[in-house]
C-alpha atoms as a PDB file:
ATOM      1  CA  UNK A   1     168.676 -65.957  61.168  1.00  0.00           C
ATOM      2  CA  UNK A   2     172.397 -65.221  60.807  1.00  0.00           C
ATOM      3  CA  UNK A   3     174.391 -63.122  63.264  1.00  0.00           C
ATOM      4  CA  UNK A   4     174.169 -60.176  60.863  1.00  0.00           C
ATOM      5  CA  UNK A   5     170.378 -60.165  61.043  1.00  0.00           C
ATOM      6  CA  UNK A   6     169.952 -61.318  57.413  1.00  0.00           C
ATOM      7  CA  UNK A   7     167.679 -64.327  56.716  1.00  0.00           C
ATOM      8  CA  UNK A   8     169.300 -67.633  55.854  1.00  0.00           C
ATOM      9  CA  UNK A   9     168.308 -69.363  52.615  1.00  0.00           C
ATOM     10  CA  UNK A  10     166.385 -71.979  54.587  1.00  0.00           C
ATOM     11  CA  UNK A  11     164.130 -69.458  56.258  1.00  0.00           C
ATOM     12  CA  UNK A  12     160.911 -67.933  54.936  1.00  0.00           C
ATOM     13  CA  UNK A  13     161.000 -64.753  52.895  1.00  0.00           C
ATOM     14  CA  UNK A  14     161.602 -61.612  54.974  1.00  0.00           C
ATOM     15  CA  UNK A  15     158.894 -59.078  55.652  1.00  0.00           C
ATOM     16  CA  UNK A  16     158.351 -56.050  53.418  1.00  0.00           C
ATOM     17  CA  UNK A  17     160.279 -54.108  52.258  1.00  0.00           C
ATOM     18  CA  UNK A  18     163.754 -55.543  51.614  1.00  0.00           C
ATOM     19  CA  UNK A  19     167.259 -54.138  51.731  1.00  0.00           C
ATOM     20  CA  UNK A  20     169.731 -54.478  48.870  1.00  0.00           C
ATOM     21  CA  UNK A  21     171.483 -57.323  50.698  1.00  0.00           C
ATOM     22  CA  UNK A  22     168.236 -59.182  51.374  1.00  0.00           C
ATOM     23  CA  UNK A  23     167.220 -58.927  47.717  1.00  0.00           C
ATOM     24  CA  UNK A  24     170.626 -60.248  46.666  1.00  0.00           C
ATOM     25  CA  UNK A  25     170.388 -63.195  49.059  1.00  0.00           C
ATOM     26  CA  UNK A  26     166.879 -64.149  47.895  1.00  0.00           C
ATOM     27  CA  UNK A  27     167.951 -63.937  44.257  1.00  0.00           C
ATOM     28  CA  UNK A  28     171.204 -65.824  44.879  1.00  0.00           C
ATOM     29  CA  UNK A  29     173.309 -63.068  43.325  1.00  0.00           C
ATOM     30  CA  UNK A  30     175.711 -60.398  44.536  1.00  0.00           C
ATOM     31  CA  UNK A  31     174.616 -57.030  45.860  1.00  0.00           C
ATOM     32  CA  UNK A  32     176.502 -55.483  42.943  1.00  0.00           C
ATOM     33  CA  UNK A  33     174.243 -57.361  40.512  1.00  0.00           C
ATOM     34  CA  UNK A  34     171.104 -56.155  42.296  1.00  0.00           C
ATOM     35  CA  UNK A  35     172.495 -52.621  42.244  1.00  0.00           C
ATOM     36  CA  UNK A  36     173.031 -52.873  38.483  1.00  0.00           C
ATOM     37  CA  UNK A  37     169.411 -53.926  37.983  1.00  0.00           C
ATOM     38  CA  UNK A  38     168.193 -51.105  40.204  1.00  0.00           C
ATOM     39  CA  UNK A  39     170.199 -48.548  38.257  1.00  0.00           C
ATOM     40  CA  UNK A  40     169.136 -49.875  34.854  1.00  0.00           C
ATOM     41  CA  UNK A  41     172.576 -51.014  33.714  1.00  0.00           C
ATOM     42  CA  UNK A  42     172.671 -53.404  30.791  1.00  0.00           C
ATOM     43  CA  UNK A  43     175.355 -55.912  31.848  1.00  0.00           C
ATOM     44  CA  UNK A  44     172.912 -58.254  33.624  1.00  0.00           C
ATOM     45  CA  UNK A  45     171.415 -61.347  31.977  1.00  0.00           C
ATOM     46  CA  UNK A  46     167.682 -61.179  31.166  1.00  0.00           C
ATOM     47  CA  UNK A  47     166.781 -64.093  33.471  1.00  0.00           C
ATOM     48  CA  UNK A  48     168.634 -62.563  36.434  1.00  0.00           C
ATOM     49  CA  UNK A  49     167.155 -59.136  35.720  1.00  0.00           C
ATOM     50  CA  UNK A  50     163.636 -60.586  35.572  1.00  0.00           C
ATOM     51  CA  UNK A  51     164.172 -62.444  38.873  1.00  0.00           C
ATOM     52  CA  UNK A  52     165.431 -59.357  40.711  1.00  0.00           C
ATOM     53  CA  UNK A  53     162.637 -57.168  39.281  1.00  0.00           C
ATOM     54  CA  UNK A  54     160.042 -59.736  40.318  1.00  0.00           C
ATOM     55  CA  UNK A  55     161.404 -59.826  43.877  1.00  0.00           C
ATOM     56  CA  UNK A  56     161.341 -56.035  44.091  1.00  0.00           C
ATOM     57  CA  UNK A  57     157.795 -55.996  42.711  1.00  0.00           C
ATOM     58  CA  UNK A  58     156.669 -58.581  45.294  1.00  0.00           C
ATOM     59  CA  UNK A  59     158.557 -57.383  48.357  1.00  0.00           C
ATOM     60  CA  UNK A  60     159.417 -53.735  47.809  1.00  0.00           C
ATOM     61  CA  UNK A  61     162.740 -51.979  48.340  1.00  0.00           C
ATOM     62  CA  UNK A  62     163.633 -50.380  51.665  1.00  0.00           C
ATOM     63  CA  UNK A  63     164.131 -46.641  51.375  1.00  0.00           C
ATOM     64  CA  UNK A  64     165.398 -44.090  53.863  1.00  0.00           C
ATOM     65  CA  UNK A  65     163.143 -41.374  55.221  1.00  0.00           C
ATOM     66  CA  UNK A  66     163.729 -38.103  53.419  1.00  0.00           C
ATOM     67  CA  UNK A  67     162.206 -34.688  53.149  1.00  0.00           C
ATOM     68  CA  UNK A  68     161.233 -32.982  49.901  1.00  0.00           C
ATOM     69  CA  UNK A  69     163.366 -30.009  49.019  1.00  0.00           C
ATOM     70  CA  UNK A  70     161.459 -26.790  48.259  1.00  0.00           C
ATOM     71  CA  UNK A  71     162.647 -26.854  44.639  1.00  0.00           C
ATOM     72  CA  UNK A  72     161.322 -30.406  44.046  1.00  0.00           C
ATOM     73  CA  UNK A  73     158.808 -31.255  41.340  1.00  0.00           C
ATOM     74  CA  UNK A  74     155.709 -33.397  41.060  1.00  0.00           C
ATOM     75  CA  UNK A  75     155.352 -34.862  37.588  1.00  0.00           C
ATOM     76  CA  UNK A  76     151.816 -35.503  36.311  1.00  0.00           C
ATOM     77  CA  UNK A  77     151.669 -37.855  33.325  1.00  0.00           C
ATOM     78  CA  UNK A  78     148.547 -37.870  31.118  1.00  0.00           C
ATOM     79  CA  UNK A  79     147.803 -40.339  28.362  1.00  0.00           C
ATOM     80  CA  UNK A  80     146.475 -37.357  26.378  1.00  0.00           C
ATOM     81  CA  UNK A  81     146.070 -33.624  26.950  1.00  0.00           C
ATOM     82  CA  UNK A  82     142.622 -32.867  25.559  1.00  0.00           C
ATOM     83  CA  UNK A  83     139.478 -31.195  26.914  1.00  0.00           C
ATOM     84  CA  UNK A  84     138.724 -30.154  30.482  1.00  0.00           C
ATOM     85  CA  UNK A  85     139.582 -33.507  32.092  1.00  0.00           C
ATOM     86  CA  UNK A  86     143.345 -32.871  32.515  1.00  0.00           C
ATOM     87  CA  UNK A  87     142.776 -29.219  33.422  1.00  0.00           C
ATOM     88  CA  UNK A  88     140.510 -30.091  36.352  1.00  0.00           C
ATOM     89  CA  UNK A  89     142.962 -32.693  37.671  1.00  0.00           C
ATOM     90  CA  UNK A  90     145.969 -30.370  37.393  1.00  0.00           C
ATOM     91  CA  UNK A  91     144.140 -27.660  39.344  1.00  0.00           C
ATOM     92  CA  UNK A  92     143.714 -30.095  42.220  1.00  0.00           C
ATOM     93  CA  UNK A  93     147.333 -31.260  42.094  1.00  0.00           C
ATOM     94  CA  UNK A  94     148.638 -27.692  41.957  1.00  0.00           C
ATOM     95  CA  UNK A  95     146.600 -26.604  44.972  1.00  0.00           C
ATOM     96  CA  UNK A  96     148.325 -29.169  47.183  1.00  0.00           C
ATOM     97  CA  UNK A  97     151.750 -28.940  45.527  1.00  0.00           C
ATOM     98  CA  UNK A  98     151.967 -25.174  45.853  1.00  0.00           C
ATOM     99  CA  UNK A  99     150.961 -25.377  49.505  1.00  0.00           C
ATOM    100  CA  UNK A 100     154.095 -27.513  50.026  1.00  0.00           C
ATOM    101  CA  UNK A 101     156.368 -25.269  47.962  1.00  0.00           C
ATOM    102  CA  UNK A 102     156.467 -27.697  45.021  1.00  0.00           C
ATOM    103  CA  UNK A 103     156.169 -27.118  41.295  1.00  0.00           C
ATOM    104  CA  UNK A 104     154.159 -29.269  38.882  1.00  0.00           C
ATOM    105  CA  UNK A 105     155.472 -30.604  35.582  1.00  0.00           C
ATOM    106  CA  UNK A 106     153.021 -32.036  33.034  1.00  0.00           C
ATOM    107  CA  UNK A 107     153.846 -34.602  30.361  1.00  0.00           C
ATOM    108  CA  UNK A 108     151.775 -36.508  27.808  1.00  0.00           C
ATOM    109  CA  UNK A 109     152.082 -40.028  26.398  1.00  0.00           C
ATOM    110  CA  UNK A 110     150.586 -39.219  22.998  1.00  0.00           C
ATOM    111  CA  UNK A 111     147.456 -41.290  23.587  1.00  0.00           C
ATOM    112  CA  UNK A 112     149.306 -44.315  25.020  1.00  0.00           C
ATOM    113  CA  UNK A 113     148.165 -45.817  28.321  1.00  0.00           C
ATOM    114  CA  UNK A 114     151.615 -47.210  29.151  1.00  0.00           C
ATOM    115  CA  UNK A 115     154.784 -45.120  28.787  1.00  0.00           C
ATOM    116  CA  UNK A 116     157.330 -45.947  26.095  1.00  0.00           C
ATOM    117  CA  UNK A 117     160.874 -47.094  26.957  1.00  0.00           C
ATOM    118  CA  UNK A 118     162.357 -43.592  26.670  1.00  0.00           C
ATOM    119  CA  UNK A 119     159.976 -42.196  29.294  1.00  0.00           C
ATOM    120  CA  UNK A 120     161.600 -43.771  32.335  1.00  0.00           C
ATOM    121  CA  UNK A 121     165.095 -42.586  31.370  1.00  0.00           C
ATOM    122  CA  UNK A 122     163.928 -39.010  30.834  1.00  0.00           C
ATOM    123  CA  UNK A 123     161.999 -39.049  34.095  1.00  0.00           C
ATOM    124  CA  UNK A 124     164.941 -40.349  36.123  1.00  0.00           C
ATOM    125  CA  UNK A 125     167.036 -37.545  34.658  1.00  0.00           C
ATOM    126  CA  UNK A 126     164.508 -34.984  35.908  1.00  0.00           C
ATOM    127  CA  UNK A 127     164.372 -36.689  39.337  1.00  0.00           C
ATOM    128  CA  UNK A 128     160.924 -35.466  40.420  1.00  0.00           C
ATOM    129  CA  UNK A 129     159.838 -35.870  44.019  1.00  0.00           C
ATOM    130  CA  UNK A 130     157.115 -38.190  42.762  1.00  0.00           C
ATOM    131  CA  UNK A 131     154.954 -39.166  39.801  1.00  0.00           C
ATOM    132  CA  UNK A 132     151.191 -39.163  39.301  1.00  0.00           C
ATOM    133  CA  UNK A 133     150.034 -41.055  36.215  1.00  0.00           C
ATOM    134  CA  UNK A 134     146.505 -40.312  34.983  1.00  0.00           C
ATOM    135  CA  UNK A 135     144.414 -42.896  33.089  1.00  0.00           C
ATOM    136  CA  UNK A 136     147.712 -44.642  32.411  1.00  0.00           C
ATOM    137  CA  UNK A 137     150.463 -46.410  34.313  1.00  0.00           C
ATOM    138  CA  UNK A 138     154.036 -47.625  33.936  1.00  0.00           C
ATOM    139  CA  UNK A 139     155.011 -51.182  33.035  1.00  0.00           C
ATOM    140  CA  UNK A 140     156.214 -53.547  35.772  1.00  0.00           C
ATOM    141  CA  UNK A 141     159.900 -52.915  35.087  1.00  0.00           C
ATOM    142  CA  UNK A 142     159.326 -49.146  35.035  1.00  0.00           C
ATOM    143  CA  UNK A 143     157.556 -49.313  38.409  1.00  0.00           C
ATOM    144  CA  UNK A 144     160.513 -51.242  39.790  1.00  0.00           C
ATOM    145  CA  UNK A 145     162.976 -48.601  38.600  1.00  0.00           C
ATOM    146  CA  UNK A 146     160.878 -45.837  40.141  1.00  0.00           C
ATOM    147  CA  UNK A 147     160.712 -47.715  43.447  1.00  0.00           C
ATOM    148  CA  UNK A 148     164.414 -48.468  43.577  1.00  0.00           C
ATOM    149  CA  UNK A 149     165.252 -44.840  42.800  1.00  0.00           C
ATOM    150  CA  UNK A 150     162.952 -43.789  45.669  1.00  0.00           C
ATOM    151  CA  UNK A 151     160.539 -41.953  43.395  1.00  0.00           C
ATOM    152  CA  UNK A 152     157.003 -42.659  44.664  1.00  0.00           C
ATOM    153  CA  UNK A 153     154.128 -43.317  42.266  1.00  0.00           C
ATOM    154  CA  UNK A 154     150.377 -42.722  42.587  1.00  0.00           C
ATOM    155  CA  UNK A 155     147.973 -43.789  39.824  1.00  0.00           C
ATOM    156  CA  UNK A 156     144.935 -41.562  39.322  1.00  0.00           C
ATOM    157  CA  UNK A 157     141.864 -42.933  37.490  1.00  0.00           C
ATOM    158  CA  UNK A 158     143.753 -46.135  36.631  1.00  0.00           C
ATOM    159  CA  UNK A 159     143.098 -47.516  33.163  1.00  0.00           C
ATOM    160  CA  UNK A 160     143.908 -51.050  34.342  1.00  0.00           C
ATOM    161  CA  UNK A 161     145.338 -52.777  37.411  1.00  0.00           C
ATOM    162  CA  UNK A 162     147.674 -50.145  38.932  1.00  0.00           C
ATOM    163  CA  UNK A 163     150.090 -52.819  40.145  1.00  0.00           C
ATOM    164  CA  UNK A 164     150.836 -54.670  43.365  1.00  0.00           C
ATOM    165  CA  UNK A 165     150.908 -52.216  46.263  1.00  0.00           C
ATOM    166  CA  UNK A 166     150.745 -49.119  44.039  1.00  0.00           C
ATOM    167  CA  UNK A 167     148.525 -46.397  45.581  1.00  0.00           C
ATOM    168  CA  UNK A 168     145.605 -45.229  43.444  1.00  0.00           C
ATOM    169  CA  UNK A 169     142.805 -42.659  43.440  1.00  0.00           C
ATOM    170  CA  UNK A 170     139.513 -43.117  41.584  1.00  0.00           C
ATOM    171  CA  UNK A 171     135.837 -42.170  41.727  1.00  0.00           C
ATOM    172  CA  UNK A 172     132.861 -44.343  42.681  1.00  0.00           C
ATOM    173  CA  UNK A 173     132.217 -45.203  39.036  1.00  0.00           C
ATOM    174  CA  UNK A 174     129.858 -48.113  39.717  1.00  0.00           C
ATOM    175  CA  UNK A 175     127.661 -45.969  41.967  1.00  0.00           C
ATOM    176  CA  UNK A 176     127.682 -43.205  39.353  1.00  0.00           C
ATOM    177  CA  UNK A 177     126.494 -45.588  36.638  1.00  0.00           C
ATOM    178  CA  UNK A 178     123.816 -46.929  38.969  1.00  0.00           C
ATOM    179  CA  UNK A 179     122.559 -43.453  39.931  1.00  0.00           C
ATOM    180  CA  UNK A 180     122.449 -42.176  36.346  1.00  0.00           C
ATOM    181  CA  UNK A 181     120.400 -45.151  35.185  1.00  0.00           C
ATOM    182  CA  UNK A 182     118.094 -45.016  38.204  1.00  0.00           C
ATOM    183  CA  UNK A 183     117.354 -41.370  37.411  1.00  0.00           C
ATOM    184  CA  UNK A 184     116.218 -42.295  33.905  1.00  0.00           C
ATOM    185  CA  UNK A 185     114.182 -45.228  35.195  1.00  0.00           C
ATOM    186  CA  UNK A 186     112.428 -42.968  37.699  1.00  0.00           C
ATOM    187  CA  UNK A 187     111.461 -40.713  34.777  1.00  0.00           C
ATOM    188  CA  UNK A 188     109.692 -43.679  33.189  1.00  0.00           C
ATOM    189  CA  UNK A 189     112.307 -44.665  30.610  1.00  0.00           C
ATOM    190  CA  UNK A 190     112.790 -48.356  29.870  1.00  0.00           C
ATOM    191  CA  UNK A 191     114.640 -48.267  26.530  1.00  0.00           C
ATOM    192  CA  UNK A 192     117.828 -46.793  27.973  1.00  0.00           C
ATOM    193  CA  UNK A 193     120.978 -47.008  25.875  1.00  0.00           C
ATOM    194  CA  UNK A 194     124.532 -46.669  27.126  1.00  0.00           C
ATOM    195  CA  UNK A 195     127.603 -45.515  25.204  1.00  0.00           C
ATOM    196  CA  UNK A 196     130.586 -46.815  27.173  1.00  0.00           C
ATOM    197  CA  UNK A 197     134.274 -46.042  27.222  1.00  0.00           C
ATOM    198  CA  UNK A 198     136.851 -48.600  26.033  1.00  0.00           C
ATOM    199  CA  UNK A 199     136.449 -52.107  27.453  1.00  0.00           C
ATOM    200  CA  UNK A 200     139.967 -52.177  28.949  1.00  0.00           C
ATOM    201  CA  UNK A 201     139.263 -49.153  31.192  1.00  0.00           C
ATOM    202  CA  UNK A 202     138.306 -49.926  34.798  1.00  0.00           C
ATOM    203  CA  UNK A 203     136.123 -46.805  35.024  1.00  0.00           C
ATOM    204  CA  UNK A 204     134.236 -47.718  31.858  1.00  0.00           C
ATOM    205  CA  UNK A 205     133.523 -51.262  33.021  1.00  0.00           C
ATOM    206  CA  UNK A 206     132.396 -50.050  36.444  1.00  0.00           C
ATOM    207  CA  UNK A 207     129.978 -47.498  34.968  1.00  0.00           C
ATOM    208  CA  UNK A 208     128.561 -50.163  32.654  1.00  0.00           C
ATOM    209  CA  UNK A 209     128.166 -52.573  35.578  1.00  0.00           C
ATOM    210  CA  UNK A 210     126.274 -49.873  37.504  1.00  0.00           C
ATOM    211  CA  UNK A 211     123.978 -49.334  34.506  1.00  0.00           C
ATOM    212  CA  UNK A 212     123.261 -53.058  34.289  1.00  0.00           C
ATOM    213  CA  UNK A 213     122.655 -53.341  38.038  1.00  0.00           C
ATOM    214  CA  UNK A 214     120.082 -50.528  37.979  1.00  0.00           C
ATOM    215  CA  UNK A 215     118.171 -52.103  35.074  1.00  0.00           C
ATOM    216  CA  UNK A 216     118.189 -55.539  36.670  1.00  0.00           C
ATOM    217  CA  UNK A 217     117.026 -54.150  40.019  1.00  0.00           C
ATOM    218  CA  UNK A 218     114.102 -52.479  38.218  1.00  0.00           C
ATOM    219  CA  UNK A 219     113.183 -55.691  36.403  1.00  0.00           C
ATOM    220  CA  UNK A 220     114.199 -54.290  33.017  1.00  0.00           C
ATOM    221  CA  UNK A 221     115.998 -56.671  30.677  1.00  0.00           C
ATOM    222  CA  UNK A 222     119.468 -55.596  29.554  1.00  0.00           C
ATOM    223  CA  UNK A 223     119.307 -55.350  25.753  1.00  0.00           C
ATOM    224  CA  UNK A 224     122.801 -55.839  24.236  1.00  0.00           C
ATOM    225  CA  UNK A 225     121.707 -53.792  21.204  1.00  0.00           C
ATOM    226  CA  UNK A 226     121.457 -50.727  23.455  1.00  0.00           C
ATOM    227  CA  UNK A 227     125.059 -50.993  24.707  1.00  0.00           C
ATOM    228  CA  UNK A 228     127.667 -49.433  22.414  1.00  0.00           C
ATOM    229  CA  UNK A 229     131.404 -49.269  23.096  1.00  0.00           C
ATOM    230  CA  UNK A 230     133.150 -45.959  22.552  1.00  0.00           C
ATOM    231  CA  UNK A 231     136.476 -44.353  23.392  1.00  0.00           C
ATOM    232  CA  UNK A 232     135.449 -41.365  25.535  1.00  0.00           C
ATOM    233  CA  UNK A 233     135.294 -39.193  22.386  1.00  0.00           C
ATOM    234  CA  UNK A 234     132.631 -36.778  21.074  1.00  0.00           C
ATOM    235  CA  UNK A 235     132.527 -38.812  17.856  1.00  0.00           C
ATOM    236  CA  UNK A 236     131.272 -41.814  19.846  1.00  0.00           C
ATOM    237  CA  UNK A 237     128.089 -39.945  20.682  1.00  0.00           C
ATOM    238  CA  UNK A 238     127.489 -38.914  17.076  1.00  0.00           C
ATOM    239  CA  UNK A 239     128.156 -42.312  15.503  1.00  0.00           C
ATOM    240  CA  UNK A 240     126.363 -44.472  18.047  1.00  0.00           C
ATOM    241  CA  UNK A 241     123.303 -42.234  18.353  1.00  0.00           C
ATOM    242  CA  UNK A 242     122.695 -42.486  14.613  1.00  0.00           C
ATOM    243  CA  UNK A 243     122.982 -46.271  14.860  1.00  0.00           C
ATOM    244  CA  UNK A 244     120.803 -46.537  17.975  1.00  0.00           C
ATOM    245  CA  UNK A 245     118.003 -44.437  16.517  1.00  0.00           C
ATOM    246  CA  UNK A 246     117.835 -46.758  13.488  1.00  0.00           C
ATOM    247  CA  UNK A 247     116.837 -49.708  15.710  1.00  0.00           C
ATOM    248  CA  UNK A 248     113.300 -51.045  15.316  1.00  0.00           C
ATOM    249  CA  UNK A 249     112.807 -50.038  18.969  1.00  0.00           C
ATOM    250  CA  UNK A 250     115.107 -47.035  19.464  1.00  0.00           C
ATOM    251  CA  UNK A 251     116.014 -45.791  22.928  1.00  0.00           C
ATOM    252  CA  UNK A 252     114.164 -42.950  24.615  1.00  0.00           C
ATOM    253  CA  UNK A 253     117.204 -42.082  26.732  1.00  0.00           C
ATOM    254  CA  UNK A 254     120.974 -42.373  26.369  1.00  0.00           C
ATOM    255  CA  UNK A 255     123.512 -42.533  29.195  1.00  0.00           C
ATOM    256  CA  UNK A 256     127.060 -41.731  28.088  1.00  0.00           C
ATOM    257  CA  UNK A 257     130.288 -42.619  29.889  1.00  0.00           C
ATOM    258  CA  UNK A 258     131.528 -39.008  29.740  1.00  0.00           C
ATOM    259  CA  UNK A 259     130.257 -35.529  28.935  1.00  0.00           C
ATOM    260  CA  UNK A 260     132.082 -35.388  25.605  1.00  0.00           C
ATOM    261  CA  UNK A 261     130.065 -38.312  24.310  1.00  0.00           C
ATOM    262  CA  UNK A 262     126.881 -36.588  25.526  1.00  0.00           C
ATOM    263  CA  UNK A 263     127.741 -33.535  23.420  1.00  0.00           C
ATOM    264  CA  UNK A 264     128.096 -35.924  20.490  1.00  0.00           C
ATOM    265  CA  UNK A 265     124.592 -37.239  21.224  1.00  0.00           C
ATOM    266  CA  UNK A 266     123.319 -33.637  21.120  1.00  0.00           C
ATOM    267  CA  UNK A 267     124.880 -33.158  17.677  1.00  0.00           C
ATOM    268  CA  UNK A 268     123.366 -36.376  16.342  1.00  0.00           C
ATOM    269  CA  UNK A 269     119.950 -35.496  17.796  1.00  0.00           C
ATOM    270  CA  UNK A 270     120.064 -32.148  15.988  1.00  0.00           C
ATOM    271  CA  UNK A 271     120.954 -33.899  12.728  1.00  0.00           C
ATOM    272  CA  UNK A 272     118.070 -36.330  13.248  1.00  0.00           C
ATOM    273  CA  UNK A 273     115.676 -33.478  14.153  1.00  0.00           C
ATOM    274  CA  UNK A 274     115.147 -34.864  17.642  1.00  0.00           C
ATOM    275  CA  UNK A 275     114.621 -32.555  20.595  1.00  0.00           C
ATOM    276  CA  UNK A 276     116.517 -33.016  23.854  1.00  0.00           C
ATOM    277  CA  UNK A 277     114.854 -33.890  26.226  1.00  0.00           C
ATOM    278  CA  UNK A 278     111.382 -33.979  24.614  1.00  0.00           C
ATOM    279  CA  UNK A 279     112.263 -36.773  22.189  1.00  0.00           C
ATOM    280  CA  UNK A 280     115.456 -38.078  23.781  1.00  0.00           C
ATOM    281  CA  UNK A 281     116.784 -37.722  27.328  1.00  0.00           C
ATOM    282  CA  UNK A 282     120.569 -37.522  27.671  1.00  0.00           C
ATOM    283  CA  UNK A 283     122.789 -37.919  30.730  1.00  0.00           C
ATOM    284  CA  UNK A 284     126.576 -37.695  30.859  1.00  0.00           C
ATOM    285  CA  UNK A 285     129.383 -38.408  33.324  1.00  0.00           C
ATOM    286  CA  UNK A 286     132.079 -36.042  34.704  1.00  0.00           C
ATOM    287  CA  UNK A 287     130.257 -32.693  35.113  1.00  0.00           C
ATOM    288  CA  UNK A 288     132.813 -30.717  33.158  1.00  0.00           C
ATOM    289  CA  UNK A 289     132.436 -26.911  33.407  1.00  0.00           C
ATOM    290  CA  UNK A 290     131.074 -26.684  29.847  1.00  0.00           C
ATOM    291  CA  UNK A 291     128.192 -29.084  30.601  1.00  0.00           C
ATOM    292  CA  UNK A 292     126.142 -26.398  32.339  1.00  0.00           C
ATOM    293  CA  UNK A 293     126.402 -24.202  29.231  1.00  0.00           C
ATOM    294  CA  UNK A 294     125.207 -26.840  26.771  1.00  0.00           C
ATOM    295  CA  UNK A 295     121.778 -26.304  25.205  1.00  0.00           C
ATOM    296  CA  UNK A 296     119.938 -27.626  27.112  1.00  0.00           C
ATOM    297  CA  UNK A 297     122.200 -27.761  30.194  1.00  0.00           C
ATOM    298  CA  UNK A 298     123.398 -31.342  30.635  1.00  0.00           C
ATOM    299  CA  UNK A 299     122.254 -33.665  33.397  1.00  0.00           C
ATOM    300  CA  UNK A 300     125.376 -35.547  34.450  1.00  0.00           C
ATOM    301  CA  UNK A 301     127.239 -37.431  37.161  1.00  0.00           C
ATOM    302  CA  UNK A 302     129.719 -35.192  38.956  1.00  0.00           C
ATOM    303  CA  UNK A 303     133.155 -36.794  39.178  1.00  0.00           C
ATOM    304  CA  UNK A 304     135.325 -34.863  41.674  1.00  0.00           C
ATOM    305  CA  UNK A 305     138.356 -34.510  39.417  1.00  0.00           C
ATOM    306  CA  UNK A 306     139.936 -31.599  41.313  1.00  0.00           C
ATOM    307  CA  UNK A 307     139.563 -33.437  44.612  1.00  0.00           C
ATOM    308  CA  UNK A 308     141.008 -36.576  43.002  1.00  0.00           C
ATOM    309  CA  UNK A 309     144.051 -34.586  41.864  1.00  0.00           C
ATOM    310  CA  UNK A 310     144.473 -33.022  45.304  1.00  0.00           C
ATOM    311  CA  UNK A 311     144.148 -36.409  47.030  1.00  0.00           C
ATOM    312  CA  UNK A 312     146.725 -38.008  44.729  1.00  0.00           C
ATOM    313  CA  UNK A 313     149.151 -35.134  45.363  1.00  0.00           C
ATOM    314  CA  UNK A 314     148.717 -35.384  49.148  1.00  0.00           C
ATOM    315  CA  UNK A 315     149.329 -39.145  49.044  1.00  0.00           C
ATOM    316  CA  UNK A 316     152.415 -38.630  46.876  1.00  0.00           C
ATOM    317  CA  UNK A 317     153.906 -36.029  49.210  1.00  0.00           C
ATOM    318  CA  UNK A 318     153.370 -38.319  52.197  1.00  0.00           C
ATOM    319  CA  UNK A 319     155.183 -41.131  50.389  1.00  0.00           C
ATOM    320  CA  UNK A 320     158.034 -38.827  49.342  1.00  0.00           C
ATOM    321  CA  UNK A 321     158.522 -37.836  52.959  1.00  0.00           C
ATOM    322  CA  UNK A 322     158.869 -41.491  53.959  1.00  0.00           C
ATOM    323  CA  UNK A 323     155.442 -41.895  55.545  1.00  0.00           C
ATOM    324  CA  UNK A 324     153.250 -44.987  55.273  1.00  0.00           C
ATOM    325  CA  UNK A 325     149.815 -44.499  53.765  1.00  0.00           C
ATOM    326  CA  UNK A 326     146.937 -45.723  55.904  1.00  0.00           C
ATOM    327  CA  UNK A 327     144.862 -46.299  52.755  1.00  0.00           C
ATOM    328  CA  UNK A 328     146.340 -47.156  49.366  1.00  0.00           C
ATOM    329  CA  UNK A 329     143.078 -47.442  47.401  1.00  0.00           C
ATOM    330  CA  UNK A 330     140.975 -44.279  47.609  1.00  0.00           C
ATOM    331  CA  UNK A 331     137.588 -43.784  45.923  1.00  0.00           C
ATOM    332  CA  UNK A 332     135.888 -40.384  46.050  1.00  0.00           C
ATOM    333  CA  UNK A 333     132.119 -40.115  45.780  1.00  0.00           C
ATOM    334  CA  UNK A 334     130.181 -39.160  42.652  1.00  0.00           C
ATOM    335  CA  UNK A 335     126.918 -37.175  42.600  1.00  0.00           C
ATOM    336  CA  UNK A 336     123.951 -36.859  40.237  1.00  0.00           C
ATOM    337  CA  UNK A 337     123.547 -33.298  38.909  1.00  0.00           C
ATOM    338  CA  UNK A 338     120.072 -32.865  37.410  1.00  0.00           C
ATOM    339  CA  UNK A 339     119.727 -30.178  34.765  1.00  0.00           C
ATOM    340  CA  UNK A 340     117.493 -29.890  31.702  1.00  0.00           C
ATOM    341  CA  UNK A 341     118.590 -32.702  29.368  1.00  0.00           C
ATOM    342  CA  UNK A 342     116.457 -35.372  31.059  1.00  0.00           C
ATOM    343  CA  UNK A 343     112.662 -35.424  31.315  1.00  0.00           C
ATOM    344  CA  UNK A 344     109.798 -37.804  32.008  1.00  0.00           C
ATOM    345  CA  UNK A 345     109.063 -40.224  29.175  1.00  0.00           C
ATOM    346  CA  UNK A 346     106.445 -38.863  26.783  1.00  0.00           C
ATOM    347  CA  UNK A 347     103.606 -41.331  26.323  1.00  0.00           C
ATOM    348  CA  UNK A 348     102.053 -41.111  22.833  1.00  0.00           C
ATOM    349  CA  UNK A 349      98.637 -42.167  24.134  1.00  0.00           C
ATOM    350  CA  UNK A 350      98.590 -39.101  26.375  1.00  0.00           C
ATOM    351  CA  UNK A 351      99.714 -36.569  23.733  1.00  0.00           C
END
């Protein structure tokens, strides 16, 4: 250790997070060069920029404690603004933000799950107190620029790996998938289909894993023909239900990865002249407000979206005020809500 308190090049890497000078020493460049990378200036070679960004990603960047000004903003970034999903999350974020005298700004990525290059520049111009990304997340270099500009980030319902050390909020998706499938098994169903979300989505994979675990625990073979990949859209339920019901052994129940897909199953069942739940039991995931008004009311897994939004906002405010989070990965519990779209399996020999 030198007399200035900075580590020498022969010593091990310093503890997290690092100052500007420590980053410069580790990278073997000047503090001015590190500052240029932090501020997004172009006159730095790509190799040097990549090295500095990697060091910031690995070690963090030391910030000063600061308080949020009453006029500050929380920015909530959605991959897409459609349906009740974003509305429920925003209600939770607003409840906490307003209690702290903060406003909420909403932006959309046009269906993308990673922001485009223009996004980070526009966001830095707005200078929000913090950012919550929903079912999306910034690229590595964008996370570095947020960190170095002291703008905290929380990822809600992460689509993929949220990034090293990035706080996140999610639901117990595996448990939800397990509970939904167990409910159908307890009703006597064995040909249980699942319409999933996209394969890249962590929530989709976890719900599918829960479905598989429930079947395996009950001694029921997992039939690949009964698993259909969707994109969390109503159309998934329509398309895949038609295909599933054409199988030589069609399912007697369908578990969908969200309520929108379940509504699609309802539409397809009507077109096929099947009655829900007499001919086909249906269970969704999310428990959106409209699900209780479906005909019949939808059995579903309640995902606490408002609470997830509120939790993400509280974590973000703590970070913006310079506090250290005791828990960076938060999962909130799901719950089975039984309504009228699921029923005991009808046995033809007893009709």
